[in-house]
Amino acid sequence: MALHFLGKETDGGNSPTLWLDDERDEYVLQGWEVTDPGSLAAIGTVPAGELVLRVPTALMGHLPKGDG
């Protein structure tokens, strides 16, 4: 896996972070696990092996700009 750091948003020692995996053409996120029962109920079933994360909207500002 070739991860390339794109950016982070530090909030009181926590650092939601964004990387790009060039080999898989996927983004890798570090964020806060969603544990709020109301939010999880709204999301529905989360399949095994998946995790719902919460990240600040500012983190998405580190996404590369698209071609079109």
PDB file of N, CA and C in Angstrom:
ATOM      1  N   MET A   1       0.851  -1.166   0.000  1.00  0.00           N
ATOM      2  CA  MET A   1       0.000   0.000   0.000  1.00  0.00           C
ATOM      3  C   MET A   1       0.899   1.232   0.000  1.00  0.00           C
ATOM      4  N   ALA A   2       0.660   2.115  -0.956  1.00  0.00           N
ATOM      5  CA  ALA A   2       1.437   3.347  -1.050  1.00  0.00           C
ATOM      6  C   ALA A   2       0.562   4.516  -0.619  1.00  0.00           C
ATOM      7  N   LEU A   3       0.582   4.824   0.673  1.00  0.00           N
ATOM      8  CA  LEU A   3      -0.235   5.917   1.180  1.00  0.00           C
ATOM      9  C   LEU A   3       0.491   7.246   1.023  1.00  0.00           C
ATOM     10  N   HIS A   4      -0.271   8.234   0.562  1.00  0.00           N
ATOM     11  CA  HIS A   4       0.257   9.587   0.431  1.00  0.00           C
ATOM     12  C   HIS A   4      -0.582  10.496   1.321  1.00  0.00           C
ATOM     13  N   PHE A   5       0.075  11.138   2.274  1.00  0.00           N
ATOM     14  CA  PHE A   5      -0.592  12.050   3.194  1.00  0.00           C
ATOM     15  C   PHE A   5      -1.169  13.229   2.424  1.00  0.00           C
ATOM     16  N   LEU A   6      -2.456  13.538   2.682  1.00  0.00           N
ATOM     17  CA  LEU A   6      -3.096  14.678   2.036  1.00  0.00           C
ATOM     18  C   LEU A   6      -3.349  15.827   3.001  1.00  0.00           C
ATOM     19  N   GLY A   7      -3.630  15.514   4.267  1.00  0.00           N
ATOM     20  CA  GLY A   7      -3.858  16.584   5.222  1.00  0.00           C
ATOM     21  C   GLY A   7      -4.521  16.093   6.487  1.00  0.00           C
ATOM     22  N   LYS A   8      -4.532  16.981   7.487  1.00  0.00           N
ATOM     23  CA  LYS A   8      -5.180  16.652   8.752  1.00  0.00           C
ATOM     24  C   LYS A   8      -5.800  17.905   9.329  1.00  0.00           C
ATOM     25  N   GLU A   9      -6.743  17.715  10.218  1.00  0.00           N
ATOM     26  CA  GLU A   9      -7.416  18.794  10.930  1.00  0.00           C
ATOM     27  C   GLU A   9      -7.305  18.485  12.412  1.00  0.00           C
ATOM     28  N   THR A  10      -6.426  19.161  13.116  1.00  0.00           N
ATOM     29  CA  THR A  10      -6.182  18.918  14.530  1.00  0.00           C
ATOM     30  C   THR A  10      -7.243  19.610  15.370  1.00  0.00           C
ATOM     31  N   ASP A  11      -7.764  18.875  16.353  1.00  0.00           N
ATOM     32  CA  ASP A  11      -8.796  19.401  17.244  1.00  0.00           C
ATOM     33  C   ASP A  11      -8.499  18.908  18.654  1.00  0.00           C
ATOM     34  N   GLY A  12      -7.791  19.704  19.424  1.00  0.00           N
ATOM     35  CA  GLY A  12      -7.510  19.345  20.807  1.00  0.00           C
ATOM     36  C   GLY A  12      -6.716  18.068  20.977  1.00  0.00           C
ATOM     37  N   GLY A  13      -5.752  17.832  20.117  1.00  0.00           N
ATOM     38  CA  GLY A  13      -4.924  16.635  20.234  1.00  0.00           C
ATOM     39  C   GLY A  13      -5.412  15.483  19.369  1.00  0.00           C
ATOM     40  N   ASN A  14      -6.655  15.554  18.904  1.00  0.00           N
ATOM     41  CA  ASN A  14      -7.161  14.556  17.962  1.00  0.00           C
ATOM     42  C   ASN A  14      -6.886  15.061  16.564  1.00  0.00           C
ATOM     43  N   SER A  15      -6.547  14.165  15.673  1.00  0.00           N
ATOM     44  CA  SER A  15      -6.165  14.611  14.338  1.00  0.00           C
ATOM     45  C   SER A  15      -6.818  13.762  13.253  1.00  0.00           C
ATOM     46  N   PRO A  16      -8.081  14.043  12.903  1.00  0.00           N
ATOM     47  CA  PRO A  16      -8.646  13.351  11.744  1.00  0.00           C
ATOM     48  C   PRO A  16      -7.733  13.608  10.541  1.00  0.00           C
ATOM     49  N   THR A  17      -7.430  12.556   9.808  1.00  0.00           N
ATOM     50  CA  THR A  17      -6.402  12.631   8.777  1.00  0.00           C
ATOM     51  C   THR A  17      -6.895  11.963   7.501  1.00  0.00           C
ATOM     52  N   LEU A  18      -6.376  12.432   6.362  1.00  0.00           N
ATOM     53  CA  LEU A  18      -6.757  11.925   5.053  1.00  0.00           C
ATOM     54  C   LEU A  18      -5.513  11.525   4.275  1.00  0.00           C
ATOM     55  N   TRP A  19      -5.542  10.317   3.699  1.00  0.00           N
ATOM     56  CA  TRP A  19      -4.472   9.818   2.838  1.00  0.00           C
ATOM     57  C   TRP A  19      -5.076   9.335   1.533  1.00  0.00           C
ATOM     58  N   LEU A  20      -4.247   9.224   0.496  1.00  0.00           N
ATOM     59  CA  LEU A  20      -4.628   8.608  -0.766  1.00  0.00           C
ATOM     60  C   LEU A  20      -3.785   7.362  -0.950  1.00  0.00           C
ATOM     61  N   ASP A  21      -4.448   6.245  -1.248  1.00  0.00           N
ATOM     62  CA  ASP A  21      -3.764   5.001  -1.589  1.00  0.00           C
ATOM     63  C   ASP A  21      -3.733   4.923  -3.108  1.00  0.00           C
ATOM     64  N   ASP A  22      -2.592   5.265  -3.700  1.00  0.00           N
ATOM     65  CA  ASP A  22      -2.458   5.293  -5.160  1.00  0.00           C
ATOM     66  C   ASP A  22      -2.666   3.925  -5.796  1.00  0.00           C
ATOM     67  N   GLU A  23      -2.223   2.870  -5.127  1.00  0.00           N
ATOM     68  CA  GLU A  23      -2.306   1.533  -5.710  1.00  0.00           C
ATOM     69  C   GLU A  23      -3.747   1.057  -5.834  1.00  0.00           C
ATOM     70  N   ARG A  24      -4.592   1.434  -4.886  1.00  0.00           N
ATOM     71  CA  ARG A  24      -5.989   0.991  -4.895  1.00  0.00           C
ATOM     72  C   ARG A  24      -6.944   2.068  -5.385  1.00  0.00           C
ATOM     73  N   ASP A  25      -6.444   3.268  -5.626  1.00  0.00           N
ATOM     74  CA  ASP A  25      -7.276   4.397  -6.023  1.00  0.00           C
ATOM     75  C   ASP A  25      -8.401   4.599  -5.006  1.00  0.00           C
ATOM     76  N   GLU A  26      -8.007   4.673  -3.721  1.00  0.00           N
ATOM     77  CA  GLU A  26      -8.939   4.834  -2.609  1.00  0.00           C
ATOM     78  C   GLU A  26      -8.389   5.855  -1.616  1.00  0.00           C
ATOM     79  N   TYR A  27      -9.309   6.471  -0.879  1.00  0.00           N
ATOM     80  CA  TYR A  27      -8.912   7.342   0.221  1.00  0.00           C
ATOM     81  C   TYR A  27      -8.948   6.560   1.515  1.00  0.00           C
ATOM     82  N   VAL A  28      -8.035   6.878   2.416  1.00  0.00           N
ATOM     83  CA  VAL A  28      -7.982   6.282   3.745  1.00  0.00           C
ATOM     84  C   VAL A  28      -8.219   7.409   4.744  1.00  0.00           C
ATOM     85  N   LEU A  29      -9.184   7.212   5.650  1.00  0.00           N
ATOM     86  CA  LEU A  29      -9.568   8.233   6.612  1.00  0.00           C
ATOM     87  C   LEU A  29      -9.292   7.786   8.037  1.00  0.00           C
ATOM     88  N   GLN A  30      -8.857   8.710   8.843  1.00  0.00           N
ATOM     89  CA  GLN A  30      -8.796   8.522  10.292  1.00  0.00           C
ATOM     90  C   GLN A  30      -9.759   9.547  10.871  1.00  0.00           C
ATOM     91  N   GLY A  31     -10.664   9.100  11.703  1.00  0.00           N
ATOM     92  CA  GLY A  31     -11.631  10.011  12.300  1.00  0.00           C
ATOM     93  C   GLY A  31     -12.153   9.446  13.603  1.00  0.00           C
ATOM     94  N   TRP A  32     -13.243  10.026  14.056  1.00  0.00           N
ATOM     95  CA  TRP A  32     -13.852   9.572  15.307  1.00  0.00           C
ATOM     96  C   TRP A  32     -14.946   8.566  14.991  1.00  0.00           C
ATOM     97  N   GLU A  33     -14.969   7.473  15.730  1.00  0.00           N
ATOM     98  CA  GLU A  33     -16.011   6.462  15.539  1.00  0.00           C
ATOM     99  C   GLU A  33     -17.362   7.048  15.942  1.00  0.00           C
ATOM    100  N   VAL A  34     -18.365   6.818  15.117  1.00  0.00           N
ATOM    101  CA  VAL A  34     -19.716   7.269  15.430  1.00  0.00           C
ATOM    102  C   VAL A  34     -20.319   6.282  16.427  1.00  0.00           C
ATOM    103  N   THR A  35     -20.661   6.778  17.607  1.00  0.00           N
ATOM    104  CA  THR A  35     -21.254   5.933  18.646  1.00  0.00           C
ATOM    105  C   THR A  35     -22.623   6.437  19.089  1.00  0.00           C
ATOM    106  N   ASP A  36     -23.033   7.611  18.608  1.00  0.00           N
ATOM    107  CA  ASP A  36     -24.316   8.178  18.979  1.00  0.00           C
ATOM    108  C   ASP A  36     -25.448   7.272  18.492  1.00  0.00           C
ATOM    109  N   PRO A  37     -26.302   6.771  19.412  1.00  0.00           N
ATOM    110  CA  PRO A  37     -27.363   5.844  19.019  1.00  0.00           C
ATOM    111  C   PRO A  37     -28.307   6.415  17.956  1.00  0.00           C
ATOM    112  N   GLY A  38     -28.643   7.701  18.046  1.00  0.00           N
ATOM    113  CA  GLY A  38     -29.527   8.297  17.055  1.00  0.00           C
ATOM    114  C   GLY A  38     -28.911   8.318  15.669  1.00  0.00           C
ATOM    115  N   SER A  39     -27.635   8.660  15.604  1.00  0.00           N
ATOM    116  CA  SER A  39     -26.936   8.676  14.311  1.00  0.00           C
ATOM    117  C   SER A  39     -26.843   7.270  13.728  1.00  0.00           C
ATOM    118  N   LEU A  40     -26.505   6.310  14.577  1.00  0.00           N
ATOM    119  CA  LEU A  40     -26.392   4.928  14.098  1.00  0.00           C
ATOM    120  C   LEU A  40     -27.735   4.392  13.629  1.00  0.00           C
ATOM    121  N   ALA A  41     -28.824   4.763  14.317  1.00  0.00           N
ATOM    122  CA  ALA A  41     -30.158   4.333  13.897  1.00  0.00           C
ATOM    123  C   ALA A  41     -30.498   4.911  12.528  1.00  0.00           C
ATOM    124  N   ALA A  42     -30.109   6.162  12.293  1.00  0.00           N
ATOM    125  CA  ALA A  42     -30.377   6.802  11.005  1.00  0.00           C
ATOM    126  C   ALA A  42     -29.567   6.158   9.881  1.00  0.00           C
ATOM    127  N   ILE A  43     -28.370   5.686  10.195  1.00  0.00           N
ATOM    128  CA  ILE A  43     -27.495   5.065   9.206  1.00  0.00           C
ATOM    129  C   ILE A  43     -27.982   3.663   8.864  1.00  0.00           C
ATOM    130  N   GLY A  44     -28.447   2.933   9.863  1.00  0.00           N
ATOM    131  CA  GLY A  44     -28.898   1.554   9.643  1.00  0.00           C
ATOM    132  C   GLY A  44     -27.778   0.563   9.889  1.00  0.00           C
ATOM    133  N   THR A  45     -27.917  -0.590   9.305  1.00  0.00           N
ATOM    134  CA  THR A  45     -26.969  -1.680   9.519  1.00  0.00           C
ATOM    135  C   THR A  45     -25.618  -1.353   8.903  1.00  0.00           C
ATOM    136  N   VAL A  46     -24.573  -1.535   9.691  1.00  0.00           N
ATOM    137  CA  VAL A  46     -23.203  -1.365   9.206  1.00  0.00           C
ATOM    138  C   VAL A  46     -22.614  -2.769   9.074  1.00  0.00           C
ATOM    139  N   PRO A  47     -22.262  -3.173   7.868  1.00  0.00           N
ATOM    140  CA  PRO A  47     -21.753  -4.520   7.658  1.00  0.00           C
ATOM    141  C   PRO A  47     -20.467  -4.788   8.451  1.00  0.00           C
ATOM    142  N   ALA A  48     -20.258  -6.051   8.783  1.00  0.00           N
ATOM    143  CA  ALA A  48     -19.024  -6.468   9.445  1.00  0.00           C
ATOM    144  C   ALA A  48     -17.839  -6.039   8.603  1.00  0.00           C
ATOM    145  N   GLY A  49     -16.808  -5.547   9.254  1.00  0.00           N
ATOM    146  CA  GLY A  49     -15.611  -5.112   8.550  1.00  0.00           C
ATOM    147  C   GLY A  49     -15.655  -3.651   8.125  1.00  0.00           C
ATOM    148  N   GLU A  50     -16.785  -2.982   8.363  1.00  0.00           N
ATOM    149  CA  GLU A  50     -16.898  -1.572   8.040  1.00  0.00           C
ATOM    150  C   GLU A  50     -17.077  -0.778   9.325  1.00  0.00           C
ATOM    151  N   LEU A  51     -16.712   0.496   9.284  1.00  0.00           N
ATOM    152  CA  LEU A  51     -16.797   1.376  10.438  1.00  0.00           C
ATOM    153  C   LEU A  51     -17.293   2.727   9.960  1.00  0.00           C
ATOM    154  N   VAL A  52     -18.201   3.319  10.698  1.00  0.00           N
ATOM    155  CA  VAL A  52     -18.695   4.652  10.365  1.00  0.00           C
ATOM    156  C   VAL A  52     -17.848   5.662  11.121  1.00  0.00           C
ATOM    157  N   LEU A  53     -17.274   6.618  10.389  1.00  0.00           N
ATOM    158  CA  LEU A  53     -16.399   7.625  10.970  1.00  0.00           C
ATOM    159  C   LEU A  53     -17.017   8.999  10.853  1.00  0.00           C
ATOM    160  N   ARG A  54     -16.636   9.843  11.775  1.00  0.00           N
ATOM    161  CA  ARG A  54     -17.031  11.243  11.769  1.00  0.00           C
ATOM    162  C   ARG A  54     -15.753  12.060  11.623  1.00  0.00           C
ATOM    163  N   VAL A  55     -15.740  12.969  10.632  1.00  0.00           N
ATOM    164  CA  VAL A  55     -14.584  13.836  10.419  1.00  0.00           C
ATOM    165  C   VAL A  55     -15.080  15.260  10.206  1.00  0.00           C
ATOM    166  N   PRO A  56     -14.266  16.266  10.521  1.00  0.00           N
ATOM    167  CA  PRO A  56     -14.689  17.641  10.289  1.00  0.00           C
ATOM    168  C   PRO A  56     -14.780  17.924   8.782  1.00  0.00           C
ATOM    169  N   THR A  57     -15.736  18.752   8.405  1.00  0.00           N
ATOM    170  CA  THR A  57     -15.889  19.076   6.985  1.00  0.00           C
ATOM    171  C   THR A  57     -14.619  19.707   6.408  1.00  0.00           C
ATOM    172  N   ALA A  58     -13.857  20.390   7.238  1.00  0.00           N
ATOM    173  CA  ALA A  58     -12.618  21.013   6.762  1.00  0.00           C
ATOM    174  C   ALA A  58     -11.634  19.980   6.217  1.00  0.00           C
ATOM    175  N   LEU A  59     -11.709  18.733   6.702  1.00  0.00           N
ATOM    176  CA  LEU A  59     -10.802  17.690   6.223  1.00  0.00           C
ATOM    177  C   LEU A  59     -11.009  17.440   4.729  1.00  0.00           C
ATOM    178  N   MET A  60     -12.235  17.579   4.260  1.00  0.00           N
ATOM    179  CA  MET A  60     -12.522  17.337   2.845  1.00  0.00           C
ATOM    180  C   MET A  60     -11.875  18.395   1.939  1.00  0.00           C
ATOM    181  N   GLY A  61     -11.456  19.504   2.516  1.00  0.00           N
ATOM    182  CA  GLY A  61     -10.733  20.518   1.763  1.00  0.00           C
ATOM    183  C   GLY A  61      -9.373  20.035   1.279  1.00  0.00           C
ATOM    184  N   HIS A  62      -8.904  18.913   1.825  1.00  0.00           N
ATOM    185  CA  HIS A  62      -7.613  18.346   1.420  1.00  0.00           C
ATOM    186  C   HIS A  62      -7.759  17.382   0.240  1.00  0.00           C
ATOM    187  N   LEU A  63      -9.005  17.117  -0.186  1.00  0.00           N
ATOM    188  CA  LEU A  63      -9.196  16.245  -1.350  1.00  0.00           C
ATOM    189  C   LEU A  63      -8.631  16.927  -2.591  1.00  0.00           C
ATOM    190  N   PRO A  64      -7.971  16.162  -3.463  1.00  0.00           N
ATOM    191  CA  PRO A  64      -7.452  16.759  -4.693  1.00  0.00           C
ATOM    192  C   PRO A  64      -8.612  17.268  -5.550  1.00  0.00           C
ATOM    193  N   LYS A  65      -8.371  18.317  -6.264  1.00  0.00           N
ATOM    194  CA  LYS A  65      -9.386  18.853  -7.164  1.00  0.00           C
ATOM    195  C   LYS A  65      -9.498  17.934  -8.373  1.00  0.00           C
ATOM    196  N   GLY A  66     -10.733  17.608  -8.788  1.00  0.00           N
ATOM    197  CA  GLY A  66     -10.962  16.700  -9.915  1.00  0.00           C
ATOM    198  C   GLY A  66     -10.671  17.333 -11.265  1.00  0.00           C
ATOM    199  N   ASP A  67     -10.639  16.478 -12.288  1.00  0.00           N
ATOM    200  CA  ASP A  67     -10.365  16.946 -13.650  1.00  0.00           C
ATOM    201  C   ASP A  67     -11.621  17.504 -14.315  1.00  0.00           C
ATOM    202  N   GLY A  68     -12.791  17.115 -13.854  1.00  0.00           N
ATOM    203  CA  GLY A  68     -13.953  17.563 -14.585  1.00  0.00           C
ATOM    204  C   GLY A  68     -15.096  17.629 -13.712  1.00  0.00           C
TER     205      GLY A  68
END
